[in-house]
Full PDB file with SEQRES, HELIX, SHEET, SSBOND, CRYST1, ORIGX, SCALE, CONECT and MASTER records, all heavy atoms in Angstrom:
SEQRES   1 A   37  LEU GLU PRO PRO ARG ARG LYS LEU GLU GLY PRO LEU VAL          
SEQRES   2 A   37  PHE TYR ASP PRO VAL ASP GLY ASN ARG ASN VAL ALA SER          
SEQRES   3 A   37  ALA VAL HIS VAL ASP THR LEU ALA ARG PHE VAL                  
HELIX    1 AA1 VAL A   30  PHE A   36  1                                   7    
SHEET    1 AA1 2 TYR A  15  ASP A  16  0                                        
SHEET    2 AA1 2 ASP A  19  ASN A  23 -1                                        
CRYST1    1.000    1.000    1.000  90.00  90.00  90.00 P 1           1          
ORIGX1      1.000000  0.000000  0.000000        0.00000                         
ORIGX2      0.000000  1.000000  0.000000        0.00000                         
ORIGX3      0.000000  0.000000  1.000000        0.00000                         
SCALE1      1.000000  0.000000  0.000000        0.00000                         
SCALE2      0.000000  1.000000  0.000000        0.00000                         
SCALE3      0.000000  0.000000  1.000000        0.00000                         
ATOM      1  N   LEU A   1      91.240 102.600  94.906  1.00  0.00           N  
ATOM      2  CA  LEU A   1      90.865 103.004  93.551  1.00  0.00           C  
ATOM      3  C   LEU A   1      91.728 104.159  93.072  1.00  0.00           C  
ATOM      4  O   LEU A   1      91.922 104.344  91.879  1.00  0.00           O  
ATOM      5  CB  LEU A   1      89.387 103.416  93.516  1.00  0.00           C  
ATOM      6  CG  LEU A   1      88.369 102.275  93.505  1.00  0.00           C  
ATOM      7  CD1 LEU A   1      87.007 102.762  93.992  1.00  0.00           C  
ATOM      8  CD2 LEU A   1      88.233 101.698  92.098  1.00  0.00           C  
ATOM      9  N   GLU A   2      92.207 104.954  94.007  1.00  0.00           N  
ATOM     10  CA  GLU A   2      93.092 106.082  93.718  1.00  0.00           C  
ATOM     11  C   GLU A   2      94.297 105.973  94.655  1.00  0.00           C  
ATOM     12  O   GLU A   2      94.213 105.327  95.704  1.00  0.00           O  
ATOM     13  CB  GLU A   2      92.364 107.414  93.955  1.00  0.00           C  
ATOM     14  CG  GLU A   2      91.036 107.554  93.222  1.00  0.00           C  
ATOM     15  CD  GLU A   2      91.178 107.679  91.720  1.00  0.00           C  
ATOM     16  OE1 GLU A   2      92.301 107.976  91.261  1.00  0.00           O  
ATOM     17  OE2 GLU A   2      90.169 107.489  91.009  1.00  0.00           O  
ATOM     18  N   PRO A   3      95.427 106.582  94.309  1.00  0.00           N  
ATOM     19  CA  PRO A   3      96.611 106.496  95.174  1.00  0.00           C  
ATOM     20  C   PRO A   3      96.317 107.029  96.580  1.00  0.00           C  
ATOM     21  O   PRO A   3      95.836 108.157  96.716  1.00  0.00           O  
ATOM     22  CB  PRO A   3      97.637 107.375  94.453  1.00  0.00           C  
ATOM     23  CG  PRO A   3      97.187 107.404  93.035  1.00  0.00           C  
ATOM     24  CD  PRO A   3      95.693 107.345  93.074  1.00  0.00           C  
ATOM     25  N   PRO A   4      96.578 106.238  97.625  1.00  0.00           N  
ATOM     26  CA  PRO A   4      96.357 106.718  99.002  1.00  0.00           C  
ATOM     27  C   PRO A   4      97.395 107.754  99.394  1.00  0.00           C  
ATOM     28  O   PRO A   4      98.488 107.813  98.821  1.00  0.00           O  
ATOM     29  CB  PRO A   4      96.497 105.448  99.845  1.00  0.00           C  
ATOM     30  CG  PRO A   4      97.371 104.550  99.037  1.00  0.00           C  
ATOM     31  CD  PRO A   4      97.056 104.843  97.599  1.00  0.00           C  
ATOM     32  N   ARG A   5      97.062 108.557 100.404  1.00  0.00           N  
ATOM     33  CA  ARG A   5      97.991 109.594 100.859  1.00  0.00           C  
ATOM     34  C   ARG A   5      98.970 109.055 101.885  1.00  0.00           C  
ATOM     35  O   ARG A   5     100.075 109.549 102.014  1.00  0.00           O  
ATOM     36  CB  ARG A   5      97.199 110.770 101.449  1.00  0.00           C  
ATOM     37  CG  ARG A   5      96.363 111.523 100.415  1.00  0.00           C  
ATOM     38  CD  ARG A   5      95.592 112.661 101.053  1.00  0.00           C  
ATOM     39  NE  ARG A   5      94.660 113.266 100.104  1.00  0.00           N  
ATOM     40  CZ  ARG A   5      93.719 114.123 100.457  1.00  0.00           C  
ATOM     41  NH1 ARG A   5      93.578 114.483 101.724  1.00  0.00           N  
ATOM     42  NH2 ARG A   5      92.896 114.623  99.553  1.00  0.00           N  
ATOM     43  N   ARG A   6      98.534 108.061 102.659  1.00  0.00           N  
ATOM     44  CA  ARG A   6      99.408 107.458 103.669  1.00  0.00           C  
ATOM     45  C   ARG A   6      98.901 106.072 103.974  1.00  0.00           C  
ATOM     46  O   ARG A   6      97.736 105.749 103.724  1.00  0.00           O  
ATOM     47  CB  ARG A   6      99.446 108.304 104.945  1.00  0.00           C  
ATOM     48  CG  ARG A   6      98.107 108.444 105.657  1.00  0.00           C  
ATOM     49  CD  ARG A   6      98.193 109.439 106.796  1.00  0.00           C  
ATOM     50  NE  ARG A   6      96.903 109.641 107.452  1.00  0.00           N  
ATOM     51  CZ  ARG A   6      96.475 108.970 108.513  1.00  0.00           C  
ATOM     52  NH1 ARG A   6      97.254 108.031 109.052  1.00  0.00           N  
ATOM     53  NH2 ARG A   6      95.311 109.225 109.067  1.00  0.00           N  
ATOM     54  N   LYS A   7      99.749 105.223 104.496  1.00  0.00           N  
ATOM     55  CA  LYS A   7      99.382 103.848 104.790  1.00  0.00           C  
ATOM     56  C   LYS A   7      98.533 103.793 106.061  1.00  0.00           C  
ATOM     57  O   LYS A   7      98.883 104.367 107.087  1.00  0.00           O  
ATOM     58  CB  LYS A   7     100.624 102.973 104.958  1.00  0.00           C  
ATOM     59  CG  LYS A   7     100.315 101.492 105.158  1.00  0.00           C  
ATOM     60  CD  LYS A   7     101.598 100.693 105.204  1.00  0.00           C  
ATOM     61  CE  LYS A   7     101.342  99.222 105.506  1.00  0.00           C  
ATOM     62  NZ  LYS A   7     100.474  98.583 104.514  1.00  0.00           N  
ATOM     63  N   LEU A   8      97.409 103.092 105.968  1.00  0.00           N  
ATOM     64  CA  LEU A   8      96.513 102.908 107.103  1.00  0.00           C  
ATOM     65  C   LEU A   8      96.493 101.439 107.495  1.00  0.00           C  
ATOM     66  O   LEU A   8      96.887 100.570 106.707  1.00  0.00           O  
ATOM     67  CB  LEU A   8      95.097 103.379 106.748  1.00  0.00           C  
ATOM     68  CG  LEU A   8      94.978 104.844 106.304  1.00  0.00           C  
ATOM     69  CD1 LEU A   8      93.561 105.148 105.839  1.00  0.00           C  
ATOM     70  CD2 LEU A   8      95.367 105.784 107.433  1.00  0.00           C  
ATOM     71  N   GLU A   9      96.020 101.156 108.685  1.00  0.00           N  
ATOM     72  CA  GLU A   9      95.969  99.786 109.180  1.00  0.00           C  
ATOM     73  C   GLU A   9      94.548  99.420 109.586  1.00  0.00           C  
ATOM     74  O   GLU A   9      93.772 100.271 110.018  1.00  0.00           O  
ATOM     75  CB  GLU A   9      96.904  99.615 110.390  1.00  0.00           C  
ATOM     76  CG  GLU A   9      98.372  99.940 110.125  1.00  0.00           C  
ATOM     77  CD  GLU A   9      99.039  98.962 109.176  1.00  0.00           C  
ATOM     78  OE1 GLU A   9      98.523  97.826 109.044  1.00  0.00           O  
ATOM     79  OE2 GLU A   9     100.074  99.315 108.572  1.00  0.00           O  
ATOM     80  N   GLY A  10      94.223  98.132 109.486  1.00  0.00           N  
ATOM     81  CA  GLY A  10      92.919  97.643 109.912  1.00  0.00           C  
ATOM     82  C   GLY A  10      92.688  96.253 109.374  1.00  0.00           C  
ATOM     83  O   GLY A  10      93.444  95.774 108.507  1.00  0.00           O  
ATOM     84  N   PRO A  11      91.648  95.549 109.857  1.00  0.00           N  
ATOM     85  CA  PRO A  11      91.329  94.231 109.315  1.00  0.00           C  
ATOM     86  C   PRO A  11      91.125  94.276 107.797  1.00  0.00           C  
ATOM     87  O   PRO A  11      91.545  93.380 107.068  1.00  0.00           O  
ATOM     88  CB  PRO A  11      90.025  93.869 110.040  1.00  0.00           C  
ATOM     89  CG  PRO A  11      90.090  94.624 111.321  1.00  0.00           C  
ATOM     90  CD  PRO A  11      90.766  95.919 110.973  1.00  0.00           C  
ATOM     91  N   LEU A  12      90.472  95.367 107.330  1.00  0.00           N  
ATOM     92  CA  LEU A  12      90.320  95.635 105.900  1.00  0.00           C  
ATOM     93  C   LEU A  12      90.517  97.125 105.705  1.00  0.00           C  
ATOM     94  O   LEU A  12      89.903  97.934 106.392  1.00  0.00           O  
ATOM     95  CB  LEU A  12      88.928  95.224 105.413  1.00  0.00           C  
ATOM     96  CG  LEU A  12      88.586  95.612 103.960  1.00  0.00           C  
ATOM     97  CD1 LEU A  12      89.477  94.867 102.963  1.00  0.00           C  
ATOM     98  CD2 LEU A  12      87.109  95.337 103.662  1.00  0.00           C  
ATOM     99  N   VAL A  13      91.387  97.491 104.768  1.00  0.00           N  
ATOM    100  CA  VAL A  13      91.592  98.901 104.443  1.00  0.00           C  
ATOM    101  C   VAL A  13      91.168  99.128 103.002  1.00  0.00           C  
ATOM    102  O   VAL A  13      91.720  98.526 102.077  1.00  0.00           O  
ATOM    103  CB  VAL A  13      93.063  99.327 104.629  1.00  0.00           C  
ATOM    104  CG1 VAL A  13      93.249 100.779 104.184  1.00  0.00           C  
ATOM    105  CG2 VAL A  13      93.489  99.154 106.079  1.00  0.00           C  
ATOM    106  N   PHE A  14      90.142  99.963 102.818  1.00  0.00           N  
ATOM    107  CA  PHE A  14      89.724 100.387 101.482  1.00  0.00           C  
ATOM    108  C   PHE A  14      89.811 101.906 101.485  1.00  0.00           C  
ATOM    109  O   PHE A  14      89.003 102.580 102.100  1.00  0.00           O  
ATOM    110  CB  PHE A  14      88.297  99.925 101.176  1.00  0.00           C  
ATOM    111  CG  PHE A  14      87.991  99.863  99.697  1.00  0.00           C  
ATOM    112  CD1 PHE A  14      87.563  98.681  99.108  1.00  0.00           C  
ATOM    113  CD2 PHE A  14      88.142 100.977  98.876  1.00  0.00           C  
ATOM    114  CE1 PHE A  14      87.301  98.605  97.747  1.00  0.00           C  
ATOM    115  CE2 PHE A  14      87.882 100.922  97.521  1.00  0.00           C  
ATOM    116  CZ  PHE A  14      87.453  99.727  96.963  1.00  0.00           C  
ATOM    117  N   TYR A  15      90.838 102.420 100.826  1.00  0.00           N  
ATOM    118  CA  TYR A  15      91.109 103.855 100.867  1.00  0.00           C  
ATOM    119  C   TYR A  15      90.004 104.635 100.162  1.00  0.00           C  
ATOM    120  O   TYR A  15      89.573 104.280  99.061  1.00  0.00           O  
ATOM    121  CB  TYR A  15      92.460 104.152 100.208  1.00  0.00           C  
ATOM    122  CG  TYR A  15      93.633 103.624 100.991  1.00  0.00           C  
ATOM    123  CD1 TYR A  15      94.160 102.354 100.725  1.00  0.00           C  
ATOM    124  CD2 TYR A  15      94.207 104.373 102.017  1.00  0.00           C  
ATOM    125  CE1 TYR A  15      95.234 101.858 101.446  1.00  0.00           C  
ATOM    126  CE2 TYR A  15      95.288 103.887 102.748  1.00  0.00           C  
ATOM    127  CZ  TYR A  15      95.789 102.631 102.461  1.00  0.00           C  
ATOM    128  OH  TYR A  15      96.844 102.132 103.190  1.00  0.00           O  
ATOM    129  N   ASP A  16      89.552 105.678 100.833  1.00  0.00           N  
ATOM    130  CA  ASP A  16      88.535 106.545 100.253  1.00  0.00           C  
ATOM    131  C   ASP A  16      89.131 107.250  99.032  1.00  0.00           C  
ATOM    132  O   ASP A  16      90.118 107.976  99.161  1.00  0.00           O  
ATOM    133  CB  ASP A  16      88.087 107.573 101.294  1.00  0.00           C  
ATOM    134  CG  ASP A  16      86.822 108.325 100.887  1.00  0.00           C  
ATOM    135  OD1 ASP A  16      86.549 108.410  99.670  1.00  0.00           O  
ATOM    136  OD2 ASP A  16      86.125 108.819 101.787  1.00  0.00           O  
ATOM    137  N   PRO A  17      88.558 107.070  97.843  1.00  0.00           N  
ATOM    138  CA  PRO A  17      89.147 107.686  96.655  1.00  0.00           C  
ATOM    139  C   PRO A  17      89.087 109.207  96.658  1.00  0.00           C  
ATOM    140  O   PRO A  17      89.830 109.859  95.908  1.00  0.00           O  
ATOM    141  CB  PRO A  17      88.315 107.106  95.499  1.00  0.00           C  
ATOM    142  CG  PRO A  17      87.032 106.691  96.131  1.00  0.00           C  
ATOM    143  CD  PRO A  17      87.384 106.246  97.515  1.00  0.00           C  
ATOM    144  N   VAL A  18      88.230 109.793  97.486  1.00  0.00           N  
ATOM    145  CA  VAL A  18      88.180 111.256  97.540  1.00  0.00           C  
ATOM    146  C   VAL A  18      88.954 111.806  98.731  1.00  0.00           C  
ATOM    147  O   VAL A  18      89.099 113.019  98.876  1.00  0.00           O  
ATOM    148  CB  VAL A  18      86.720 111.776  97.578  1.00  0.00           C  
ATOM    149  CG1 VAL A  18      85.919 111.208  96.430  1.00  0.00           C  
ATOM    150  CG2 VAL A  18      86.057 111.491  98.915  1.00  0.00           C  
ATOM    151  N   ASP A  19      89.466 110.927  99.593  1.00  0.00           N  
ATOM    152  CA  ASP A  19      90.249 111.347 100.755  1.00  0.00           C  
ATOM    153  C   ASP A  19      91.158 110.197 101.167  1.00  0.00           C  
ATOM    154  O   ASP A  19      90.764 109.325 101.940  1.00  0.00           O  
ATOM    155  CB  ASP A  19      89.320 111.736 101.908  1.00  0.00           C  
ATOM    156  CG  ASP A  19      90.070 112.245 103.136  1.00  0.00           C  
ATOM    157  OD1 ASP A  19      91.326 112.224 103.115  1.00  0.00           O  
ATOM    158  OD2 ASP A  19      89.427 112.649 104.110  1.00  0.00           O  
ATOM    159  N   GLY A  20      92.377 110.202 100.625  1.00  0.00           N  
ATOM    160  CA  GLY A  20      93.304 109.098 100.834  1.00  0.00           C  
ATOM    161  C   GLY A  20      93.789 108.923 102.255  1.00  0.00           C  
ATOM    162  O   GLY A  20      94.533 107.991 102.551  1.00  0.00           O  
ATOM    163  N   ASN A  21      93.358 109.812 103.170  1.00  0.00           N  
ATOM    164  CA  ASN A  21      93.694 109.664 104.588  1.00  0.00           C  
ATOM    165  C   ASN A  21      92.630 108.883 105.351  1.00  0.00           C  
ATOM    166  O   ASN A  21      92.736 108.727 106.566  1.00  0.00           O  
ATOM    167  CB  ASN A  21      93.848 111.047 105.243  1.00  0.00           C  
ATOM    168  CG  ASN A  21      95.094 111.761 104.760  1.00  0.00           C  
ATOM    169  OD1 ASN A  21      96.159 111.165 104.684  1.00  0.00           O  
ATOM    170  ND2 ASN A  21      94.958 113.035 104.433  1.00  0.00           N  
ATOM    171  N   ARG A  22      91.605 108.397 104.658  1.00  0.00           N  
ATOM    172  CA  ARG A  22      90.464 107.780 105.332  1.00  0.00           C  
ATOM    173  C   ARG A  22      90.254 106.353 104.843  1.00  0.00           C  
ATOM    174  O   ARG A  22      90.332 106.074 103.649  1.00  0.00           O  
ATOM    175  CB  ARG A  22      89.193 108.589 105.075  1.00  0.00           C  
ATOM    176  CG  ARG A  22      87.911 107.972 105.638  1.00  0.00           C  
ATOM    177  CD  ARG A  22      86.736 108.913 105.437  1.00  0.00           C  
ATOM    178  NE  ARG A  22      85.511 108.322 105.960  1.00  0.00           N  
ATOM    179  CZ  ARG A  22      84.599 107.707 105.204  1.00  0.00           C  
ATOM    180  NH1 ARG A  22      84.773 107.619 103.898  1.00  0.00           N  
ATOM    181  NH2 ARG A  22      83.517 107.190 105.757  1.00  0.00           N  
ATOM    182  N   ASN A  23      89.972 105.464 105.783  1.00  0.00           N  
ATOM    183  CA  ASN A  23      89.645 104.078 105.475  1.00  0.00           C  
ATOM    184  C   ASN A  23      88.133 103.914 105.481  1.00  0.00           C  
ATOM    185  O   ASN A  23      87.491 103.975 106.538  1.00  0.00           O  
ATOM    186  CB  ASN A  23      90.292 103.143 106.505  1.00  0.00           C  
ATOM    187  CG  ASN A  23      89.922 101.684 106.279  1.00  0.00           C  
ATOM    188  OD1 ASN A  23      89.446 101.312 105.203  1.00  0.00           O  
ATOM    189  ND2 ASN A  23      90.144 100.856 107.280  1.00  0.00           N  
ATOM    190  N   VAL A  24      87.533 103.695 104.318  1.00  0.00           N  
ATOM    191  CA  VAL A  24      86.084 103.536 104.222  1.00  0.00           C  
ATOM    192  C   VAL A  24      85.625 102.278 104.974  1.00  0.00           C  
ATOM    193  O   VAL A  24      84.497 102.202 105.441  1.00  0.00           O  
ATOM    194  CB  VAL A  24      85.647 103.451 102.741  1.00  0.00           C  
ATOM    195  CG1 VAL A  24      84.137 103.325 102.621  1.00  0.00           C  
ATOM    196  CG2 VAL A  24      86.131 104.676 101.973  1.00  0.00           C  
ATOM    197  N   ALA A  25      86.539 101.310 105.108  1.00  0.00           N  
ATOM    198  CA  ALA A  25      86.204 100.038 105.753  1.00  0.00           C  
ATOM    199  C   ALA A  25      86.614 100.005 107.224  1.00  0.00           C  
ATOM    200  O   ALA A  25      86.730  98.928 107.812  1.00  0.00           O  
ATOM    201  CB  ALA A  25      86.879  98.891 105.003  1.00  0.00           C  
ATOM    202  N   SER A  26      86.794 101.161 107.836  1.00  0.00           N  
ATOM    203  CA  SER A  26      87.278 101.184 109.224  1.00  0.00           C  
ATOM    204  C   SER A  26      86.312 100.515 110.193  1.00  0.00           C  
ATOM    205  O   SER A  26      86.723 100.044 111.258  1.00  0.00           O  
ATOM    206  CB  SER A  26      87.534 102.626 109.665  1.00  0.00           C  
ATOM    207  OG  SER A  26      86.341 103.399 109.601  1.00  0.00           O  
ATOM    208  N   ALA A  27      85.021 100.460 109.844  1.00  0.00           N  
ATOM    209  CA  ALA A  27      84.034  99.842 110.739  1.00  0.00           C  
ATOM    210  C   ALA A  27      84.027  98.320 110.641  1.00  0.00           C  
ATOM    211  O   ALA A  27      83.478  97.646 111.514  1.00  0.00           O  
ATOM    212  CB  ALA A  27      82.635 100.378 110.422  1.00  0.00           C  
ATOM    213  N   VAL A  28      84.622  97.767 109.578  1.00  0.00           N  
ATOM    214  CA  VAL A  28      84.539  96.320 109.341  1.00  0.00           C  
ATOM    215  C   VAL A  28      85.381  95.551 110.353  1.00  0.00           C  
ATOM    216  O   VAL A  28      86.608  95.692 110.403  1.00  0.00           O  
ATOM    217  CB  VAL A  28      84.982  95.970 107.907  1.00  0.00           C  
ATOM    218  CG1 VAL A  28      84.922  94.453 107.687  1.00  0.00           C  
ATOM    219  CG2 VAL A  28      84.108  96.689 106.875  1.00  0.00           C  
ATOM    220  N   HIS A  29      84.723  94.743 111.161  1.00  0.00           N  
ATOM    221  CA  HIS A  29      85.414  93.909 112.148  1.00  0.00           C  
ATOM    222  C   HIS A  29      85.997  92.679 111.453  1.00  0.00           C  
ATOM    223  O   HIS A  29      85.485  92.231 110.421  1.00  0.00           O  
ATOM    224  CB  HIS A  29      84.427  93.484 113.235  1.00  0.00           C  
ATOM    225  CG  HIS A  29      85.045  92.805 114.412  1.00  0.00           C  
ATOM    226  ND1 HIS A  29      85.233  91.443 114.461  1.00  0.00           N  
ATOM    227  CD2 HIS A  29      85.525  93.295 115.586  1.00  0.00           C  
ATOM    228  CE1 HIS A  29      85.797  91.128 115.621  1.00  0.00           C  
ATOM    229  NE2 HIS A  29      85.991  92.226 116.318  1.00  0.00           N  
ATOM    230  N   VAL A  30      87.049  92.128 112.009  1.00  0.00           N  
ATOM    231  CA  VAL A  30      87.689  90.961 111.399  1.00  0.00           C  
ATOM    232  C   VAL A  30      86.716  89.796 111.281  1.00  0.00           C  
ATOM    233  O   VAL A  30      86.763  89.028 110.305  1.00  0.00           O  
ATOM    234  CB  VAL A  30      88.961  90.565 112.188  1.00  0.00           C  
ATOM    235  CG1 VAL A  30      88.610  90.107 113.607  1.00  0.00           C  
ATOM    236  CG2 VAL A  30      89.745  89.495 111.442  1.00  0.00           C  
ATOM    237  N   ASP A  31      85.788  89.651 112.223  1.00  0.00           N  
ATOM    238  CA  ASP A  31      84.793  88.576 112.139  1.00  0.00           C  
ATOM    239  C   ASP A  31      83.839  88.790 110.970  1.00  0.00           C  
ATOM    240  O   ASP A  31      83.444  87.834 110.287  1.00  0.00           O  
ATOM    241  CB  ASP A  31      83.991  88.477 113.440  1.00  0.00           C  
ATOM    242  CG  ASP A  31      84.845  88.017 114.610  1.00  0.00           C  
ATOM    243  OD1 ASP A  31      85.968  87.522 114.368  1.00  0.00           O  
ATOM    244  OD2 ASP A  31      84.399  88.160 115.764  1.00  0.00           O  
ATOM    245  N   THR A  32      83.434  90.050 110.749  1.00  0.00           N  
ATOM    246  CA  THR A  32      82.541  90.351 109.635  1.00  0.00           C  
ATOM    247  C   THR A  32      83.249  90.159 108.303  1.00  0.00           C  
ATOM    248  O   THR A  32      82.656  89.666 107.333  1.00  0.00           O  
ATOM    249  CB  THR A  32      82.030  91.797 109.746  1.00  0.00           C  
ATOM    250  OG1 THR A  32      81.669  92.080 111.097  1.00  0.00           O  
ATOM    251  CG2 THR A  32      80.807  92.001 108.857  1.00  0.00           C  
ATOM    252  N   LEU A  33      84.507  90.538 108.254  1.00  0.00           N  
ATOM    253  CA  LEU A  33      85.311  90.305 107.058  1.00  0.00           C  
ATOM    254  C   LEU A  33      85.380  88.818 106.751  1.00  0.00           C  
ATOM    255  O   LEU A  33      85.164  88.395 105.607  1.00  0.00           O  
ATOM    256  CB  LEU A  33      86.721  90.879 107.256  1.00  0.00           C  
ATOM    257  CG  LEU A  33      87.753  90.542 106.179  1.00  0.00           C  
ATOM    258  CD1 LEU A  33      87.346  91.126 104.840  1.00  0.00           C  
ATOM    259  CD2 LEU A  33      89.135  91.062 106.595  1.00  0.00           C  
ATOM    260  N   ALA A  34      85.663  88.006 107.768  1.00  0.00           N  
ATOM    261  CA  ALA A  34      85.759  86.557 107.573  1.00  0.00           C  
ATOM    262  C   ALA A  34      84.430  85.976 107.107  1.00  0.00           C  
ATOM    263  O   ALA A  34      84.390  85.081 106.255  1.00  0.00           O  
ATOM    264  CB  ALA A  34      86.202  85.886 108.870  1.00  0.00           C  
ATOM    265  N   ARG A  35      83.330  86.489 107.656  1.00  0.00           N  
ATOM    266  CA  ARG A  35      82.006  85.999 107.255  1.00  0.00           C  
ATOM    267  C   ARG A  35      81.740  86.277 105.784  1.00  0.00           C  
ATOM    268  O   ARG A  35      81.228  85.428 105.053  1.00  0.00           O  
ATOM    269  CB  ARG A  35      80.924  86.656 108.121  1.00  0.00           C  
ATOM    270  CG  ARG A  35      79.525  86.101 107.873  1.00  0.00           C  
ATOM    271  CD  ARG A  35      78.458  86.925 108.566  1.00  0.00           C  
ATOM    272  NE  ARG A  35      78.838  87.240 109.946  1.00  0.00           N  
ATOM    273  CZ  ARG A  35      78.342  88.249 110.631  1.00  0.00           C  
ATOM    274  NH1 ARG A  35      77.465  89.064 110.064  1.00  0.00           N  
ATOM    275  NH2 ARG A  35      78.720  88.464 111.878  1.00  0.00           N  
ATOM    276  N   PHE A  36      82.112  87.497 105.339  1.00  0.00           N  
ATOM    277  CA  PHE A  36      81.907  87.849 103.943  1.00  0.00           C  
ATOM    278  C   PHE A  36      82.761  86.994 103.015  1.00  0.00           C  
ATOM    279  O   PHE A  36      82.290  86.510 101.981  1.00  0.00           O  
ATOM    280  CB  PHE A  36      82.208  89.334 103.724  1.00  0.00           C  
ATOM    281  CG  PHE A  36      82.231  89.737 102.275  1.00  0.00           C  
ATOM    282  CD1 PHE A  36      81.127  89.549 101.463  1.00  0.00           C  
ATOM    283  CD2 PHE A  36      83.376  90.290 101.709  1.00  0.00           C  
ATOM    284  CE1 PHE A  36      81.149  89.913 100.119  1.00  0.00           C  
ATOM    285  CE2 PHE A  36      83.412  90.663 100.381  1.00  0.00           C  
ATOM    286  CZ  PHE A  36      82.293  90.466  99.582  1.00  0.00           C  
ATOM    287  N   VAL A  37      84.022  86.787 103.376  1.00  0.00           N  
ATOM    288  CA  VAL A  37      84.907  85.967 102.547  1.00  0.00           C  
ATOM    289  C   VAL A  37      84.371  84.538 102.449  1.00  0.00           C  
ATOM    290  O   VAL A  37      84.296  83.957 101.356  1.00  0.00           O  
ATOM    291  CB  VAL A  37      86.335  85.972 103.121  1.00  0.00           C  
ATOM    292  CG1 VAL A  37      87.205  84.930 102.415  1.00  0.00           C  
ATOM    293  CG2 VAL A  37      86.965  87.364 102.983  1.00  0.00           C  
TER     294      VAL A  37                                                      
MASTER        0    0    0    1    2    0    0    6  293    1    0    3          
END                                                                             
């Protein structure tokens, strides 16, 4: 939603708009992501 501070990696990366160094979706497992999709 806001410019990230650095590139992060993960099954899903949703940059925290108040802290671009943090992935709000860091807990999301690839299986859970696939289930939601």
